[in-house]
Amino acid sequence: MTTHVTAVYENGVLRPTKPLPLKDGDRVELTVEVPAEAGTPDEAVRRILSAKTFDEWIAAADAAAALEPAGSDDLLVALNETRRRAGERLLFLPEHKGIDW
């Protein structure tokens, strides 16, 4: 089994940021990778590309979205534009953007 987890190093101990599917006494092998400066576009791309599960990918994509400059197009606008260019049905009509269904 392989599980990717983020941990915080405190007082000489690595503390996972989420529970692990392990029992007391289970032996594990660790590879420690210090991420690039957190909150940078390079780190966001690295996290997205290295995601092993859908949940990890979503968390990485959410973190990357927070790095977008204010006023930049959001993901739905970009997806809509791609669908429009391909002749596909739009996800939402432009006049409905921001309406909470």
C-alpha atoms as a PDB file:
ATOM      1  CA  MET A   1       0.000   0.000   0.000  1.00  0.00           C
ATOM      2  CA  THR A   2       1.233   3.483  -0.832  1.00  0.00           C
ATOM      3  CA  THR A   3      -0.222   6.563   0.812  1.00  0.00           C
ATOM      4  CA  HIS A   4       0.884  10.150   0.260  1.00  0.00           C
ATOM      5  CA  VAL A   5       0.435  12.343   3.306  1.00  0.00           C
ATOM      6  CA  THR A   6       1.622  15.763   4.355  1.00  0.00           C
ATOM      7  CA  ALA A   7       3.280  15.982   7.740  1.00  0.00           C
ATOM      8  CA  VAL A   8       4.613  18.727   9.975  1.00  0.00           C
ATOM      9  CA  TYR A   9       7.956  18.329  11.711  1.00  0.00           C
ATOM     10  CA  GLU A  10       7.645  19.420  15.373  1.00  0.00           C
ATOM     11  CA  ASN A  11      10.067  18.802  18.232  1.00  0.00           C
ATOM     12  CA  GLY A  12      11.871  16.010  16.364  1.00  0.00           C
ATOM     13  CA  VAL A  13       8.687  14.180  15.352  1.00  0.00           C
ATOM     14  CA  LEU A  14       6.834  14.034  12.033  1.00  0.00           C
ATOM     15  CA  ARG A  15       3.104  14.574  12.654  1.00  0.00           C
ATOM     16  CA  PRO A  16       0.747  13.664   9.759  1.00  0.00           C
ATOM     17  CA  THR A  17      -1.882  16.266   8.961  1.00  0.00           C
ATOM     18  CA  LYS A  18      -4.519  13.542   8.515  1.00  0.00           C
ATOM     19  CA  PRO A  19      -5.092  10.081  10.034  1.00  0.00           C
ATOM     20  CA  LEU A  20      -3.206   7.174   8.482  1.00  0.00           C
ATOM     21  CA  PRO A  21      -4.652   3.696   7.813  1.00  0.00           C
ATOM     22  CA  LEU A  22      -2.113   2.026  10.131  1.00  0.00           C
ATOM     23  CA  LYS A  23      -2.189  -0.034  13.306  1.00  0.00           C
ATOM     24  CA  ASP A  24       0.148   0.496  16.251  1.00  0.00           C
ATOM     25  CA  GLY A  25       3.417  -1.262  15.549  1.00  0.00           C
ATOM     26  CA  ASP A  26       3.081  -1.202  11.733  1.00  0.00           C
ATOM     27  CA  ARG A  27       6.431  -0.549  10.072  1.00  0.00           C
ATOM     28  CA  VAL A  28       6.571   1.915   7.177  1.00  0.00           C
ATOM     29  CA  GLU A  29       9.202   3.319   4.835  1.00  0.00           C
ATOM     30  CA  LEU A  30       9.428   7.081   4.476  1.00  0.00           C
ATOM     31  CA  THR A  31      10.669   9.305   1.703  1.00  0.00           C
ATOM     32  CA  VAL A  32      10.803  12.871   2.940  1.00  0.00           C
ATOM     33  CA  GLU A  33      10.374  15.621   0.376  1.00  0.00           C
ATOM     34  CA  VAL A  34      10.442  19.231   1.452  1.00  0.00           C
ATOM     35  CA  PRO A  35       8.037  21.001  -0.919  1.00  0.00           C
ATOM     36  CA  ALA A  36       9.113  24.035  -2.870  1.00  0.00           C
ATOM     37  CA  GLU A  37       8.066  27.266  -1.268  1.00  0.00           C
ATOM     38  CA  ALA A  38       4.421  26.678  -0.383  1.00  0.00           C
ATOM     39  CA  GLY A  39       1.984  28.912  -2.161  1.00  0.00           C
ATOM     40  CA  THR A  40       3.963  29.288  -5.389  1.00  0.00           C
ATOM     41  CA  PRO A  41       2.682  28.352  -8.837  1.00  0.00           C
ATOM     42  CA  ASP A  42       5.569  25.859  -9.223  1.00  0.00           C
ATOM     43  CA  GLU A  43       4.558  24.111  -6.001  1.00  0.00           C
ATOM     44  CA  ALA A  44       0.906  24.044  -7.103  1.00  0.00           C
ATOM     45  CA  VAL A  45       1.833  22.385 -10.408  1.00  0.00           C
ATOM     46  CA  ARG A  46       4.106  19.880  -8.636  1.00  0.00           C
ATOM     47  CA  ARG A  47       1.299  18.911  -6.243  1.00  0.00           C
ATOM     48  CA  ILE A  48      -1.220  18.485  -9.073  1.00  0.00           C
ATOM     49  CA  LEU A  49       1.165  16.355 -11.139  1.00  0.00           C
ATOM     50  CA  SER A  50       2.219  14.189  -8.194  1.00  0.00           C
ATOM     51  CA  ALA A  51      -1.310  13.545  -6.885  1.00  0.00           C
ATOM     52  CA  LYS A  52      -1.933   9.820  -6.455  1.00  0.00           C
ATOM     53  CA  THR A  53      -5.652  10.000  -5.680  1.00  0.00           C
ATOM     54  CA  PHE A  54      -8.572  12.073  -6.883  1.00  0.00           C
ATOM     55  CA  ASP A  55      -8.846  13.652  -3.406  1.00  0.00           C
ATOM     56  CA  GLU A  56      -5.188  14.712  -3.530  1.00  0.00           C
ATOM     57  CA  TRP A  57      -5.703  16.157  -7.006  1.00  0.00           C
ATOM     58  CA  ILE A  58      -8.771  18.131  -5.874  1.00  0.00           C
ATOM     59  CA  ALA A  59      -6.919  19.485  -2.810  1.00  0.00           C
ATOM     60  CA  ALA A  60      -3.968  20.520  -4.989  1.00  0.00           C
ATOM     61  CA  ALA A  61      -6.237  22.147  -7.571  1.00  0.00           C
ATOM     62  CA  ASP A  62      -8.117  24.019  -4.841  1.00  0.00           C
ATOM     63  CA  ALA A  63      -4.821  25.299  -3.440  1.00  0.00           C
ATOM     64  CA  ALA A  64      -3.719  26.362  -6.932  1.00  0.00           C
ATOM     65  CA  ALA A  65      -6.985  28.227  -7.493  1.00  0.00           C
ATOM     66  CA  ALA A  66      -6.240  30.328  -4.424  1.00  0.00           C
ATOM     67  CA  LEU A  67      -3.053  31.555  -6.157  1.00  0.00           C
ATOM     68  CA  GLU A  68      -4.961  33.141  -9.055  1.00  0.00           C
ATOM     69  CA  PRO A  69      -4.678  36.916  -9.118  1.00  0.00           C
ATOM     70  CA  ALA A  70      -7.833  38.803  -8.208  1.00  0.00           C
ATOM     71  CA  GLY A  71     -10.020  39.420 -11.223  1.00  0.00           C
ATOM     72  CA  SER A  72      -8.616  36.566 -13.312  1.00  0.00           C
ATOM     73  CA  ASP A  73     -11.012  34.245 -15.104  1.00  0.00           C
ATOM     74  CA  ASP A  74     -12.201  31.358 -13.019  1.00  0.00           C
ATOM     75  CA  LEU A  75     -12.181  27.687 -14.000  1.00  0.00           C
ATOM     76  CA  LEU A  76     -15.828  27.636 -15.150  1.00  0.00           C
ATOM     77  CA  VAL A  77     -15.232  30.522 -17.526  1.00  0.00           C
ATOM     78  CA  ALA A  78     -12.189  28.732 -18.983  1.00  0.00           C
ATOM     79  CA  LEU A  79     -14.113  25.452 -19.322  1.00  0.00           C
ATOM     80  CA  ASN A  80     -17.025  27.242 -20.959  1.00  0.00           C
ATOM     81  CA  GLU A  81     -14.701  28.900 -23.472  1.00  0.00           C
ATOM     82  CA  THR A  82     -13.095  25.550 -24.340  1.00  0.00           C
ATOM     83  CA  ARG A  83     -16.538  23.968 -24.830  1.00  0.00           C
ATOM     84  CA  ARG A  84     -17.709  26.918 -26.963  1.00  0.00           C
ATOM     85  CA  ARG A  85     -14.662  26.587 -29.244  1.00  0.00           C
ATOM     86  CA  ALA A  86     -15.273  22.839 -29.615  1.00  0.00           C
ATOM     87  CA  GLY A  87     -18.939  23.396 -30.460  1.00  0.00           C
ATOM     88  CA  GLU A  88     -20.095  21.639 -27.299  1.00  0.00           C
ATOM     89  CA  ARG A  89     -22.942  22.625 -24.979  1.00  0.00           C
ATOM     90  CA  LEU A  90     -21.881  25.314 -22.487  1.00  0.00           C
ATOM     91  CA  LEU A  91     -21.780  24.533 -18.778  1.00  0.00           C
ATOM     92  CA  PHE A  92     -23.674  27.743 -18.040  1.00  0.00           C
ATOM     93  CA  LEU A  93     -24.914  30.694 -20.017  1.00  0.00           C
ATOM     94  CA  PRO A  94     -22.650  33.720 -19.525  1.00  0.00           C
ATOM     95  CA  GLU A  95     -25.552  35.736 -18.088  1.00  0.00           C
ATOM     96  CA  HIS A  96     -26.015  33.061 -15.372  1.00  0.00           C
ATOM     97  CA  LYS A  97     -22.413  33.146 -14.140  1.00  0.00           C
ATOM     98  CA  GLY A  98     -22.373  33.619 -10.391  1.00  0.00           C
ATOM     99  CA  ILE A  99     -26.026  32.633  -9.883  1.00  0.00           C
ATOM    100  CA  ASP A 100     -26.377  30.099  -7.081  1.00  0.00           C
ATOM    101  CA  TRP A 101     -28.748  27.424  -8.365  1.00  0.00           C
END
